[in-house]
Every structure is written in structure tokens, then in C-alpha cells.
Amino acid sequence: MMSLNPYETPPDISAEDALRVAAPASDSDDDPVALKIDIPAFALSATAWMRLIVEGPFLLLSCGMAILTLGLPAHSESVAPWVLMIALSGLAVWSDVLIIRGANAMLAQRNLSRAKLGAALAVVPISPLVLLQWPFGLWSLRVLADREVAARFTS
């Protein structure tokens, strides 16, 4: 029985026991399937955030330019390219958000359909920056197609 005296010298413990108490091993350290899921999911999330940081300001800039263009009646024939640019930029930003949500679903091993949607959107060429995500999207799709990995996901 341990004493409740805070001034009493603690009992001697081995270095291995001290390390085990100080730094418990995480579940994914010893689990190869969890590592198989986590690495492409993290890469997919990181590249989606990079795309979002680049494309977000571009969307704001193109919206501002479209407002300036639409405000001038003499330039009504040049409105279509700006509207198209705004639509494509918005689509790219929205797809980045869905990719990030899919990567988070992969990391949490929940909602397999959301994870597959995020991985599939990563290989759709919506913007020039898709070259960053394309390899990780294919890798994630390949990992998610594995039956052992799919069995880990909860709905």
C-alpha cells in the first residue's frame, strides 16, 4: 500500500517502467495497417491545404476583377471569361474543402465513402495545382481499395 505522504521518497522503478509510464506507445506505432492509411491521408491533407492557400486568394482576386468588369457597361462582352474563372475557382476551392474532409475521414478511419470521394477529387484536374495532389490521390484510392483497410472504417 502506498503512503499518502508527499514528502516520502518514491519507490525505485526501472528505467523501462519509467519510459513506459512517461511515453505510452500510440496505437498506430505498431499497427502497419494504420500507418498504411495515415501516411497518404496526411499527404493528401497537406497538399489540399497548400492548394487552398494558393487558390483562395486567386478566387478573391478574380471576384474583384469580375465586379470591376461587370460595373462597366462598355465591357459587357468580356464578362463571360470572368464568370467562368470565378466558377472554376470556386469549384477548385470547394473540391479542396471536400478533399480535406476526406483526408480527415481517412485519418479518423470513419466514413469510407467520404474518404473515397476526397481521394477521387484529388485526381480530377480542376486546377493546375492538381499535379501536387495527383500522386497522393491515386495512392489514397489504392489504399482505400484494400479490403483490410476498408474493414477498419466505421460509418
C-alpha atoms as a PDB file:
ATOM      1  CA  MET A   1       0.000   0.000   0.000  1.00  0.00           C
ATOM      2  CA  MET A   2       1.318   3.406  -0.968  1.00  0.00           C
ATOM      3  CA  SER A   3       1.723   6.114   1.562  1.00  0.00           C
ATOM      4  CA  LEU A   4      -0.112   9.386   1.071  1.00  0.00           C
ATOM      5  CA  ASN A   5       2.795  11.365   2.457  1.00  0.00           C
ATOM      6  CA  PRO A   6       4.006  13.701  -0.346  1.00  0.00           C
ATOM      7  CA  TYR A   7       7.422  14.068   1.334  1.00  0.00           C
ATOM      8  CA  GLU A   8       8.179  10.369   1.355  1.00  0.00           C
ATOM      9  CA  THR A   9      10.808   9.109  -1.109  1.00  0.00           C
ATOM     10  CA  PRO A  10       9.161   7.302  -4.008  1.00  0.00           C
ATOM     11  CA  PRO A  11       9.993   3.635  -4.575  1.00  0.00           C
ATOM     12  CA  ASP A  12      12.683   2.746  -7.080  1.00  0.00           C
ATOM     13  CA  ILE A  13      11.433   1.807 -10.538  1.00  0.00           C
ATOM     14  CA  SER A  14      13.331   0.564 -13.543  1.00  0.00           C
ATOM     15  CA  ALA A  15      14.141   2.834 -16.483  1.00  0.00           C
ATOM     16  CA  GLU A  16      11.907   0.756 -18.782  1.00  0.00           C
ATOM     17  CA  ASP A  17       8.926   1.211 -16.464  1.00  0.00           C
ATOM     18  CA  ALA A  18       9.589   4.945 -16.249  1.00  0.00           C
ATOM     19  CA  LEU A  19       9.661   5.262 -20.044  1.00  0.00           C
ATOM     20  CA  ARG A  20       6.522   3.194 -20.406  1.00  0.00           C
ATOM     21  CA  VAL A  21       4.670   5.463 -17.978  1.00  0.00           C
ATOM     22  CA  ALA A  22       6.120   8.706 -19.400  1.00  0.00           C
ATOM     23  CA  ALA A  23       5.517   7.969 -23.105  1.00  0.00           C
ATOM     24  CA  PRO A  24       2.858   5.378 -23.841  1.00  0.00           C
ATOM     25  CA  ALA A  25       3.018   3.963 -27.348  1.00  0.00           C
ATOM     26  CA  SER A  26       0.327   5.126 -29.715  1.00  0.00           C
ATOM     27  CA  ASP A  27      -1.905   2.631 -31.457  1.00  0.00           C
ATOM     28  CA  SER A  28      -0.549   3.363 -34.934  1.00  0.00           C
ATOM     29  CA  ASP A  29       3.114   2.869 -33.999  1.00  0.00           C
ATOM     30  CA  ASP A  30       2.802  -0.897 -34.027  1.00  0.00           C
ATOM     31  CA  ASP A  31      -0.076  -1.207 -36.488  1.00  0.00           C
ATOM     32  CA  PRO A  32       1.054  -1.434 -40.140  1.00  0.00           C
ATOM     33  CA  VAL A  33      -2.499  -1.021 -41.462  1.00  0.00           C
ATOM     34  CA  ALA A  34      -2.961   2.255 -39.568  1.00  0.00           C
ATOM     35  CA  LEU A  35       0.347   3.524 -40.948  1.00  0.00           C
ATOM     36  CA  LYS A  36      -0.747   2.413 -44.420  1.00  0.00           C
ATOM     37  CA  ILE A  37      -3.793   4.672 -44.029  1.00  0.00           C
ATOM     38  CA  ASP A  38      -2.223   7.611 -42.173  1.00  0.00           C
ATOM     39  CA  ILE A  39       0.685   8.429 -44.482  1.00  0.00           C
ATOM     40  CA  PRO A  40      -1.287   9.033 -47.728  1.00  0.00           C
ATOM     41  CA  ALA A  41      -4.095  10.711 -45.772  1.00  0.00           C
ATOM     42  CA  PHE A  42      -1.687  13.188 -44.218  1.00  0.00           C
ATOM     43  CA  ALA A  43      -0.036  13.879 -47.590  1.00  0.00           C
ATOM     44  CA  LEU A  44      -3.445  14.386 -49.204  1.00  0.00           C
ATOM     45  CA  SER A  45      -4.500  16.790 -46.471  1.00  0.00           C
ATOM     46  CA  ALA A  46      -1.242  18.756 -46.652  1.00  0.00           C
ATOM     47  CA  THR A  47      -1.413  19.191 -50.425  1.00  0.00           C
ATOM     48  CA  ALA A  48      -5.097  20.181 -50.255  1.00  0.00           C
ATOM     49  CA  TRP A  49      -4.239  22.871 -47.702  1.00  0.00           C
ATOM     50  CA  MET A  50      -1.442  24.105 -49.966  1.00  0.00           C
ATOM     51  CA  ARG A  51      -3.845  24.301 -52.906  1.00  0.00           C
ATOM     52  CA  LEU A  52      -6.440  26.065 -50.775  1.00  0.00           C
ATOM     53  CA  ILE A  53      -3.905  28.672 -49.647  1.00  0.00           C
ATOM     54  CA  VAL A  54      -2.925  29.370 -53.262  1.00  0.00           C
ATOM     55  CA  GLU A  55      -6.395  29.221 -54.826  1.00  0.00           C
ATOM     56  CA  GLY A  56      -8.278  31.126 -52.110  1.00  0.00           C
ATOM     57  CA  PRO A  57      -6.642  34.498 -52.826  1.00  0.00           C
ATOM     58  CA  PHE A  58      -6.959  33.830 -56.561  1.00  0.00           C
ATOM     59  CA  LEU A  59     -10.706  33.399 -56.080  1.00  0.00           C
ATOM     60  CA  LEU A  60     -10.942  36.701 -54.221  1.00  0.00           C
ATOM     61  CA  LEU A  61      -8.874  38.454 -56.885  1.00  0.00           C
ATOM     62  CA  SER A  62     -10.978  37.064 -59.727  1.00  0.00           C
ATOM     63  CA  CYS A  63     -14.208  38.051 -57.936  1.00  0.00           C
ATOM     64  CA  GLY A  64     -12.901  41.587 -57.505  1.00  0.00           C
ATOM     65  CA  MET A  65     -11.886  41.800 -61.129  1.00  0.00           C
ATOM     66  CA  ALA A  66     -15.288  40.478 -62.236  1.00  0.00           C
ATOM     67  CA  ILE A  67     -17.067  43.096 -60.149  1.00  0.00           C
ATOM     68  CA  LEU A  68     -14.946  45.800 -61.720  1.00  0.00           C
ATOM     69  CA  THR A  69     -15.637  44.405 -65.171  1.00  0.00           C
ATOM     70  CA  LEU A  70     -19.375  43.971 -64.618  1.00  0.00           C
ATOM     71  CA  GLY A  71     -19.616  47.511 -63.329  1.00  0.00           C
ATOM     72  CA  LEU A  72     -18.557  48.901 -66.709  1.00  0.00           C
ATOM     73  CA  PRO A  73     -21.349  48.587 -69.338  1.00  0.00           C
ATOM     74  CA  ALA A  74     -18.947  49.093 -72.250  1.00  0.00           C
ATOM     75  CA  HIS A  75     -17.197  45.808 -71.434  1.00  0.00           C
ATOM     76  CA  SER A  76     -20.275  43.569 -71.328  1.00  0.00           C
ATOM     77  CA  GLU A  77     -18.817  41.198 -73.964  1.00  0.00           C
ATOM     78  CA  SER A  78     -15.833  40.423 -71.714  1.00  0.00           C
ATOM     79  CA  VAL A  79     -17.939  39.236 -68.753  1.00  0.00           C
ATOM     80  CA  ALA A  80     -18.060  35.541 -69.710  1.00  0.00           C
ATOM     81  CA  PRO A  81     -14.364  34.762 -69.084  1.00  0.00           C
ATOM     82  CA  TRP A  82     -14.521  36.286 -65.607  1.00  0.00           C
ATOM     83  CA  VAL A  83     -17.688  34.404 -64.725  1.00  0.00           C
ATOM     84  CA  LEU A  84     -16.050  31.197 -65.916  1.00  0.00           C
ATOM     85  CA  MET A  85     -12.914  31.964 -63.888  1.00  0.00           C
ATOM     86  CA  ILE A  86     -14.959  32.616 -60.750  1.00  0.00           C
ATOM     87  CA  ALA A  87     -16.920  29.387 -61.251  1.00  0.00           C
ATOM     88  CA  LEU A  88     -13.778  27.298 -61.770  1.00  0.00           C
ATOM     89  CA  SER A  89     -12.001  28.909 -58.828  1.00  0.00           C
ATOM     90  CA  GLY A  90     -14.998  28.309 -56.596  1.00  0.00           C
ATOM     91  CA  LEU A  91     -15.180  24.706 -57.773  1.00  0.00           C
ATOM     92  CA  ALA A  92     -11.477  24.224 -57.051  1.00  0.00           C
ATOM     93  CA  VAL A  93     -11.771  25.706 -53.543  1.00  0.00           C
ATOM     94  CA  TRP A  94     -14.869  23.628 -52.799  1.00  0.00           C
ATOM     95  CA  SER A  95     -13.110  20.470 -54.005  1.00  0.00           C
ATOM     96  CA  ASP A  96     -10.148  21.285 -51.737  1.00  0.00           C
ATOM     97  CA  VAL A  97     -12.510  21.506 -48.773  1.00  0.00           C
ATOM     98  CA  LEU A  98     -14.008  18.113 -49.682  1.00  0.00           C
ATOM     99  CA  ILE A  99     -10.516  16.630 -50.116  1.00  0.00           C
ATOM    100  CA  ILE A 100      -9.518  17.872 -46.659  1.00  0.00           C
ATOM    101  CA  ARG A 101     -12.692  16.396 -45.164  1.00  0.00           C
ATOM    102  CA  GLY A 102     -11.958  13.104 -46.935  1.00  0.00           C
ATOM    103  CA  ALA A 103      -8.380  13.069 -45.666  1.00  0.00           C
ATOM    104  CA  ASN A 104      -9.636  13.739 -42.133  1.00  0.00           C
ATOM    105  CA  ALA A 105     -12.079  10.846 -42.518  1.00  0.00           C
ATOM    106  CA  MET A 106      -9.157   8.666 -43.588  1.00  0.00           C
ATOM    107  CA  LEU A 107      -7.095   9.712 -40.579  1.00  0.00           C
ATOM    108  CA  ALA A 108     -10.006   9.026 -38.220  1.00  0.00           C
ATOM    109  CA  GLN A 109     -10.861   5.800 -40.086  1.00  0.00           C
ATOM    110  CA  ARG A 110     -14.505   6.831 -40.323  1.00  0.00           C
ATOM    111  CA  ASN A 111     -16.844   7.259 -43.286  1.00  0.00           C
ATOM    112  CA  LEU A 112     -15.197   5.316 -46.090  1.00  0.00           C
ATOM    113  CA  SER A 113     -17.346   6.965 -48.774  1.00  0.00           C
ATOM    114  CA  ARG A 114     -16.183  10.452 -47.737  1.00  0.00           C
ATOM    115  CA  ALA A 115     -12.563   9.278 -47.782  1.00  0.00           C
ATOM    116  CA  LYS A 116     -13.012   7.799 -51.267  1.00  0.00           C
ATOM    117  CA  LEU A 117     -14.694  10.993 -52.504  1.00  0.00           C
ATOM    118  CA  GLY A 118     -11.797  13.103 -51.224  1.00  0.00           C
ATOM    119  CA  ALA A 119      -9.226  10.824 -52.826  1.00  0.00           C
ATOM    120  CA  ALA A 120     -11.127  10.772 -56.127  1.00  0.00           C
ATOM    121  CA  LEU A 121     -11.438  14.572 -56.205  1.00  0.00           C
ATOM    122  CA  ALA A 122      -7.681  14.829 -55.722  1.00  0.00           C
ATOM    123  CA  VAL A 123      -7.094  13.296 -59.157  1.00  0.00           C
ATOM    124  CA  VAL A 124      -9.674  15.415 -61.006  1.00  0.00           C
ATOM    125  CA  PRO A 125      -7.832  18.130 -62.978  1.00  0.00           C
ATOM    126  CA  ILE A 126      -9.744  21.174 -61.735  1.00  0.00           C
ATOM    127  CA  SER A 127      -6.745  23.473 -61.379  1.00  0.00           C
ATOM    128  CA  PRO A 128      -3.100  23.448 -62.462  1.00  0.00           C
ATOM    129  CA  LEU A 129      -2.101  22.598 -58.900  1.00  0.00           C
ATOM    130  CA  VAL A 130      -3.662  19.150 -59.256  1.00  0.00           C
ATOM    131  CA  LEU A 131      -0.171  17.923 -60.113  1.00  0.00           C
ATOM    132  CA  LEU A 132       0.629  18.284 -56.400  1.00  0.00           C
ATOM    133  CA  GLN A 133      -2.252  16.071 -55.336  1.00  0.00           C
ATOM    134  CA  TRP A 134      -2.474  13.602 -58.169  1.00  0.00           C
ATOM    135  CA  PRO A 135       0.066  11.056 -56.844  1.00  0.00           C
ATOM    136  CA  PHE A 136      -1.365  11.192 -53.315  1.00  0.00           C
ATOM    137  CA  GLY A 137      -4.921  10.867 -54.610  1.00  0.00           C
ATOM    138  CA  LEU A 138      -4.008   7.748 -56.574  1.00  0.00           C
ATOM    139  CA  TRP A 139      -2.107   6.362 -53.593  1.00  0.00           C
ATOM    140  CA  SER A 140      -5.096   7.022 -51.310  1.00  0.00           C
ATOM    141  CA  LEU A 141      -7.507   5.385 -53.754  1.00  0.00           C
ATOM    142  CA  ARG A 142      -5.246   2.338 -53.921  1.00  0.00           C
ATOM    143  CA  VAL A 143      -5.040   2.118 -50.127  1.00  0.00           C
ATOM    144  CA  LEU A 144      -8.803   2.568 -49.713  1.00  0.00           C
ATOM    145  CA  ALA A 145      -9.456  -0.247 -52.211  1.00  0.00           C
ATOM    146  CA  ASP A 146      -7.717  -2.720 -49.895  1.00  0.00           C
ATOM    147  CA  ARG A 147     -10.254  -4.907 -48.062  1.00  0.00           C
ATOM    148  CA  GLU A 148      -8.220  -4.929 -44.854  1.00  0.00           C
ATOM    149  CA  VAL A 149      -8.192  -1.132 -44.833  1.00  0.00           C
ATOM    150  CA  ALA A 150     -11.886  -0.825 -45.736  1.00  0.00           C
ATOM    151  CA  ALA A 151     -12.759  -3.103 -42.828  1.00  0.00           C
ATOM    152  CA  ARG A 152     -11.211  -0.572 -40.424  1.00  0.00           C
ATOM    153  CA  PHE A 153     -13.634   2.210 -41.342  1.00  0.00           C
ATOM    154  CA  THR A 154     -16.811   2.841 -39.365  1.00  0.00           C
ATOM    155  CA  SER A 155     -19.803   4.660 -40.774  1.00  0.00           C
END
